[in-house]
């Protein structure tokens, strides 16, 4: 069976993009970044009790040595309308899209999208 592309999913995907621009992106010095990381970094988040999401820090692995990881502390809220993408692994087929509106978690789980 052919898998349906996410764009064909029955919810408004006009606002759903593959990338998210953080207000303060990582500014690590030029190093050889891992090609396995599309952005070159891993963003770490915390879901706060009030339903907001905070980016705490970025990890930027150096591809020349497995022991060198640059960590940049950010501690700033993620604002606006966006989708938090959750899956158990990089190649996992089942993905849950959790909406945030004006920076707050949409708690109504009927608004969450599980794909496929």
N, C-alpha and C. Protein backbone atom coordinates (compact mmCIF):
# COMPACT_ATOMS: atom_id res chain seq x y z
N UNK A 1 0.84 -1.18 0.00
CA UNK A 1 0.00 0.00 0.00
C UNK A 1 0.88 1.24 0.00
N UNK A 2 0.58 2.19 -0.86
CA UNK A 2 1.34 3.42 -0.95
C UNK A 2 1.00 4.34 0.20
N UNK A 3 2.01 4.93 0.81
CA UNK A 3 1.77 5.83 1.92
C UNK A 3 1.35 7.20 1.41
N UNK A 4 0.35 7.77 2.03
CA UNK A 4 -0.15 9.09 1.65
C UNK A 4 0.81 10.16 2.14
N UNK A 5 1.19 11.10 1.30
CA UNK A 5 2.06 12.17 1.77
C UNK A 5 1.34 13.05 2.80
N UNK A 6 2.10 13.62 3.69
CA UNK A 6 1.52 14.42 4.76
C UNK A 6 0.68 15.58 4.21
N UNK A 7 1.03 16.12 3.07
CA UNK A 7 0.28 17.24 2.50
C UNK A 7 -1.15 16.84 2.17
N UNK A 8 -1.39 15.54 1.98
CA UNK A 8 -2.73 15.08 1.65
C UNK A 8 -3.55 14.76 2.90
N UNK A 9 -2.95 14.91 4.07
CA UNK A 9 -3.65 14.61 5.31
C UNK A 9 -4.80 15.59 5.51
N UNK A 10 -5.91 15.15 6.05
CA UNK A 10 -7.09 16.01 6.15
C UNK A 10 -7.03 17.05 7.28
N UNK A 11 -6.01 17.84 7.30
CA UNK A 11 -5.97 19.01 8.18
C UNK A 11 -5.19 20.09 7.46
N UNK A 12 -5.34 21.31 7.90
CA UNK A 12 -4.72 22.44 7.21
C UNK A 12 -3.22 22.41 7.43
N UNK A 13 -2.46 22.01 6.40
CA UNK A 13 -1.01 21.92 6.53
C UNK A 13 -0.31 23.15 5.98
N UNK A 14 -1.05 24.17 5.61
CA UNK A 14 -0.42 25.37 5.06
C UNK A 14 0.56 25.95 6.06
N UNK A 15 0.26 25.81 7.36
CA UNK A 15 1.13 26.37 8.38
C UNK A 15 2.22 25.39 8.83
N UNK A 16 2.13 24.15 8.39
CA UNK A 16 3.08 23.12 8.82
C UNK A 16 4.24 23.08 7.84
N UNK A 17 5.42 23.38 8.33
CA UNK A 17 6.60 23.37 7.48
C UNK A 17 7.63 22.42 8.06
N UNK A 18 8.63 22.10 7.26
CA UNK A 18 9.67 21.18 7.71
C UNK A 18 10.68 21.85 8.62
N UNK A 19 10.72 23.15 8.61
CA UNK A 19 11.72 23.85 9.41
C UNK A 19 11.05 24.85 10.34
N UNK A 20 11.73 25.15 11.41
CA UNK A 20 11.26 26.15 12.36
C UNK A 20 12.44 27.04 12.67
N UNK A 21 12.25 28.32 12.55
CA UNK A 21 13.32 29.27 12.85
C UNK A 21 13.21 29.72 14.29
N UNK A 22 14.21 29.34 15.08
CA UNK A 22 14.23 29.76 16.48
C UNK A 22 14.55 31.25 16.55
N UNK A 23 13.97 31.96 17.54
CA UNK A 23 14.28 33.38 17.69
C UNK A 23 15.78 33.64 17.84
N UNK A 24 16.47 32.77 18.58
CA UNK A 24 17.91 32.88 18.73
C UNK A 24 18.53 31.58 18.25
N UNK A 25 18.92 31.50 16.98
CA UNK A 25 19.51 30.26 16.47
C UNK A 25 20.91 30.05 17.04
N UNK A 26 21.42 28.82 16.98
CA UNK A 26 22.76 28.58 17.50
C UNK A 26 23.80 29.37 16.72
N UNK A 27 24.81 29.83 17.45
CA UNK A 27 25.87 30.65 16.84
C UNK A 27 27.25 30.06 17.08
N UNK A 28 27.32 28.74 17.11
CA UNK A 28 28.59 28.07 17.40
C UNK A 28 29.63 28.41 16.35
N UNK A 29 30.89 28.36 16.72
CA UNK A 29 31.95 28.61 15.75
C UNK A 29 31.92 27.59 14.62
N UNK A 30 32.52 27.91 13.54
CA UNK A 30 32.54 27.01 12.38
C UNK A 30 33.30 25.74 12.72
N UNK A 31 32.59 24.65 12.70
CA UNK A 31 33.19 23.33 12.92
C UNK A 31 32.63 22.42 11.84
N UNK A 32 33.22 21.26 11.70
CA UNK A 32 32.67 20.28 10.76
C UNK A 32 31.46 19.65 11.41
N UNK A 33 30.29 20.01 10.92
CA UNK A 33 29.06 19.51 11.51
C UNK A 33 28.71 18.14 10.93
N UNK A 34 27.99 17.37 11.72
CA UNK A 34 27.56 16.04 11.29
C UNK A 34 26.58 16.16 10.13
N UNK A 35 26.82 15.42 9.08
CA UNK A 35 25.91 15.46 7.93
C UNK A 35 24.61 14.73 8.24
N UNK A 36 24.60 13.90 9.27
CA UNK A 36 23.38 13.19 9.65
C UNK A 36 22.36 14.10 10.33
N UNK A 37 22.80 15.29 10.74
CA UNK A 37 21.89 16.26 11.33
C UNK A 37 21.62 17.34 10.29
N UNK A 38 20.42 17.36 9.76
CA UNK A 38 20.09 18.31 8.70
C UNK A 38 20.40 19.75 9.06
N UNK A 39 20.10 20.14 10.28
CA UNK A 39 20.35 21.51 10.71
C UNK A 39 21.75 21.69 11.30
N UNK A 40 22.38 20.57 11.64
CA UNK A 40 23.70 20.65 12.24
C UNK A 40 23.67 20.75 13.76
N UNK A 41 22.48 20.70 14.35
CA UNK A 41 22.38 20.81 15.81
C UNK A 41 21.15 20.05 16.29
N UNK A 42 21.10 19.82 17.60
CA UNK A 42 19.96 19.21 18.26
C UNK A 42 19.42 20.24 19.24
N UNK A 43 18.14 20.56 19.13
CA UNK A 43 17.52 21.51 20.05
C UNK A 43 16.86 20.73 21.19
N UNK A 44 17.05 21.20 22.41
CA UNK A 44 16.45 20.57 23.60
C UNK A 44 15.37 21.49 24.14
N UNK A 45 14.23 20.90 24.47
CA UNK A 45 13.07 21.67 24.92
C UNK A 45 12.55 21.16 26.25
N UNK A 46 11.81 22.03 26.92
CA UNK A 46 11.08 21.66 28.13
C UNK A 46 9.65 22.14 27.95
N UNK A 47 8.68 21.26 28.25
CA UNK A 47 7.29 21.65 28.28
C UNK A 47 6.99 22.12 29.68
N UNK A 48 6.62 23.38 29.82
CA UNK A 48 6.37 23.97 31.13
C UNK A 48 4.95 23.66 31.61
N UNK A 49 4.72 23.79 32.91
CA UNK A 49 3.43 23.48 33.51
C UNK A 49 2.30 24.33 32.93
N UNK A 50 2.62 25.53 32.44
CA UNK A 50 1.58 26.41 31.88
C UNK A 50 1.30 26.13 30.41
N UNK A 51 1.91 25.06 29.85
CA UNK A 51 1.64 24.68 28.46
C UNK A 51 2.52 25.36 27.44
N UNK A 52 3.50 26.12 27.88
CA UNK A 52 4.43 26.76 26.96
C UNK A 52 5.65 25.86 26.77
N UNK A 53 6.38 26.10 25.69
CA UNK A 53 7.56 25.32 25.37
C UNK A 53 8.78 26.24 25.43
N UNK A 54 9.83 25.78 26.08
CA UNK A 54 11.06 26.56 26.18
C UNK A 54 12.19 25.78 25.54
N UNK A 55 12.95 26.44 24.66
CA UNK A 55 14.17 25.81 24.14
C UNK A 55 15.25 26.13 25.17
N UNK A 56 15.85 25.08 25.73
CA UNK A 56 16.82 25.27 26.80
C UNK A 56 18.23 25.42 26.27
N UNK A 57 18.58 24.58 25.29
CA UNK A 57 19.93 24.66 24.74
C UNK A 57 20.02 23.93 23.41
N UNK A 58 21.10 24.20 22.71
CA UNK A 58 21.41 23.52 21.46
C UNK A 58 22.68 22.71 21.66
N UNK A 59 22.71 21.50 21.11
CA UNK A 59 23.93 20.69 21.08
C UNK A 59 24.41 20.67 19.64
N UNK A 60 25.67 21.00 19.45
CA UNK A 60 26.25 21.02 18.11
C UNK A 60 27.44 20.06 18.11
N UNK A 61 27.23 18.83 17.62
CA UNK A 61 28.32 17.85 17.61
C UNK A 61 29.35 18.19 16.54
N UNK A 62 30.60 17.94 16.88
CA UNK A 62 31.71 18.13 15.94
C UNK A 62 31.95 16.79 15.25
N UNK A 63 31.92 16.78 13.93
CA UNK A 63 32.06 15.52 13.21
C UNK A 63 33.49 14.97 13.23
N UNK A 64 34.45 15.80 13.61
CA UNK A 64 35.84 15.33 13.61
C UNK A 64 36.19 14.52 14.84
N UNK A 65 35.40 14.66 15.91
CA UNK A 65 35.66 13.90 17.12
C UNK A 65 34.34 13.64 17.84
N UNK A 66 34.14 12.43 18.28
CA UNK A 66 32.87 12.09 18.94
C UNK A 66 32.78 12.66 20.35
N UNK A 67 33.91 13.12 20.89
CA UNK A 67 33.89 13.62 22.26
C UNK A 67 33.62 15.13 22.35
N UNK A 68 33.66 15.83 21.24
CA UNK A 68 33.46 17.28 21.28
C UNK A 68 32.04 17.64 20.87
N UNK A 69 31.32 18.22 21.80
CA UNK A 69 29.98 18.71 21.55
C UNK A 69 29.90 20.12 22.13
N UNK A 70 29.55 21.06 21.30
CA UNK A 70 29.39 22.43 21.77
C UNK A 70 27.95 22.59 22.25
N UNK A 71 27.80 23.13 23.46
CA UNK A 71 26.48 23.34 24.03
C UNK A 71 26.26 24.84 24.17
N UNK A 72 25.16 25.32 23.60
CA UNK A 72 24.79 26.73 23.73
C UNK A 72 23.49 26.82 24.51
N UNK A 73 23.55 27.48 25.68
CA UNK A 73 22.35 27.69 26.50
C UNK A 73 21.54 28.82 25.88
N UNK A 74 20.24 28.62 25.85
CA UNK A 74 19.37 29.63 25.26
C UNK A 74 18.31 30.07 26.26
N UNK A 75 17.56 29.12 26.80
CA UNK A 75 16.48 29.38 27.77
C UNK A 75 15.54 30.48 27.32
N UNK A 76 14.88 30.26 26.20
CA UNK A 76 13.89 31.24 25.74
C UNK A 76 12.63 30.52 25.29
N UNK A 77 11.47 31.17 25.45
CA UNK A 77 10.22 30.53 25.06
C UNK A 77 10.11 30.43 23.54
N UNK A 78 9.44 29.39 23.09
CA UNK A 78 9.12 29.24 21.68
C UNK A 78 7.74 29.86 21.51
N UNK A 79 7.61 30.83 20.62
CA UNK A 79 6.37 31.58 20.50
C UNK A 79 5.70 31.34 19.14
N UNK A 80 4.48 31.81 19.03
CA UNK A 80 3.76 31.72 17.77
C UNK A 80 2.98 30.43 17.62
N UNK A 81 2.55 30.17 16.40
CA UNK A 81 1.80 28.96 16.07
C UNK A 81 2.76 27.97 15.42
N UNK A 82 2.80 26.77 15.93
CA UNK A 82 3.70 25.76 15.38
C UNK A 82 3.22 24.39 15.79
N UNK A 83 3.82 23.37 15.21
CA UNK A 83 3.53 21.98 15.52
C UNK A 83 4.76 21.34 16.13
N UNK A 84 4.58 20.67 17.25
CA UNK A 84 5.65 19.88 17.85
C UNK A 84 5.55 18.48 17.26
N UNK A 85 6.63 18.00 16.66
CA UNK A 85 6.63 16.70 16.00
C UNK A 85 7.25 15.68 16.94
N UNK A 86 6.48 14.66 17.28
CA UNK A 86 6.94 13.64 18.23
C UNK A 86 6.92 12.28 17.55
N UNK A 87 8.04 11.56 17.70
CA UNK A 87 8.10 10.17 17.24
C UNK A 87 9.16 9.46 18.08
N UNK A 88 9.05 8.15 18.14
CA UNK A 88 9.95 7.40 19.02
C UNK A 88 11.34 7.24 18.43
N UNK A 89 11.49 7.38 17.12
CA UNK A 89 12.80 7.26 16.48
C UNK A 89 12.80 7.98 15.15
N UNK A 90 13.99 8.21 14.64
CA UNK A 90 14.13 8.98 13.40
C UNK A 90 13.39 8.32 12.24
N UNK A 91 13.45 7.00 12.17
CA UNK A 91 12.84 6.28 11.06
C UNK A 91 11.47 5.71 11.41
N UNK A 92 10.90 6.11 12.53
CA UNK A 92 9.59 5.61 12.94
C UNK A 92 8.52 6.13 11.99
N UNK A 93 7.62 5.25 11.56
CA UNK A 93 6.55 5.64 10.65
C UNK A 93 5.46 6.44 11.35
N UNK A 94 5.19 6.14 12.61
CA UNK A 94 4.11 6.81 13.33
C UNK A 94 4.62 8.13 13.92
N UNK A 95 3.98 9.21 13.52
CA UNK A 95 4.38 10.54 13.97
C UNK A 95 3.17 11.25 14.55
N UNK A 96 3.34 11.91 15.68
CA UNK A 96 2.28 12.71 16.29
C UNK A 96 2.63 14.17 16.16
N UNK A 97 1.70 14.94 15.61
CA UNK A 97 1.86 16.39 15.47
C UNK A 97 0.99 17.06 16.52
N UNK A 98 1.64 17.80 17.43
CA UNK A 98 0.93 18.44 18.52
C UNK A 98 0.93 19.94 18.28
N UNK A 99 -0.24 20.54 18.12
CA UNK A 99 -0.30 21.97 17.80
C UNK A 99 -0.08 22.87 19.02
N UNK A 100 0.58 23.98 18.76
CA UNK A 100 0.72 25.06 19.73
C UNK A 100 0.16 26.30 19.05
N UNK A 101 -0.67 27.05 19.75
CA UNK A 101 -1.23 28.29 19.23
C UNK A 101 -0.84 29.42 20.16
N UNK A 102 -0.31 30.44 19.58
CA UNK A 102 0.24 31.60 20.33
C UNK A 102 1.17 31.12 21.45
N UNK A 103 1.97 30.11 21.12
CA UNK A 103 2.98 29.62 22.04
C UNK A 103 2.49 28.68 23.12
N UNK A 104 1.20 28.30 23.11
CA UNK A 104 0.67 27.40 24.14
C UNK A 104 0.16 26.10 23.53
N UNK A 105 0.38 25.04 24.26
CA UNK A 105 -0.06 23.71 23.87
C UNK A 105 -1.57 23.68 23.70
N UNK A 106 -2.06 23.09 22.61
CA UNK A 106 -3.48 22.84 22.43
C UNK A 106 -3.77 21.53 23.15
N UNK A 107 -4.42 21.61 24.30
CA UNK A 107 -4.62 20.43 25.15
C UNK A 107 -5.67 19.47 24.61
N UNK A 108 -6.56 19.95 23.80
CA UNK A 108 -7.60 19.11 23.23
C UNK A 108 -6.96 18.11 22.26
N UNK A 109 -6.84 16.86 22.69
CA UNK A 109 -6.13 15.86 21.90
C UNK A 109 -6.82 15.52 20.60
N UNK A 110 -8.08 15.90 20.44
CA UNK A 110 -8.74 15.66 19.15
C UNK A 110 -8.17 16.57 18.07
N UNK A 111 -7.43 17.60 18.46
CA UNK A 111 -6.76 18.51 17.51
C UNK A 111 -5.37 18.03 17.13
N UNK A 112 -4.84 17.02 17.86
CA UNK A 112 -3.54 16.46 17.56
C UNK A 112 -3.70 15.55 16.34
N UNK A 113 -2.64 15.42 15.57
CA UNK A 113 -2.71 14.58 14.38
C UNK A 113 -1.69 13.45 14.51
N UNK A 114 -2.16 12.23 14.36
CA UNK A 114 -1.29 11.06 14.37
C UNK A 114 -1.25 10.54 12.94
N UNK A 115 -0.04 10.44 12.40
CA UNK A 115 0.12 10.07 11.01
C UNK A 115 1.15 8.97 10.89
N UNK A 116 1.02 7.96 10.12
CA UNK A 116 -0.18 7.63 9.35
C UNK A 116 -1.24 7.02 10.21
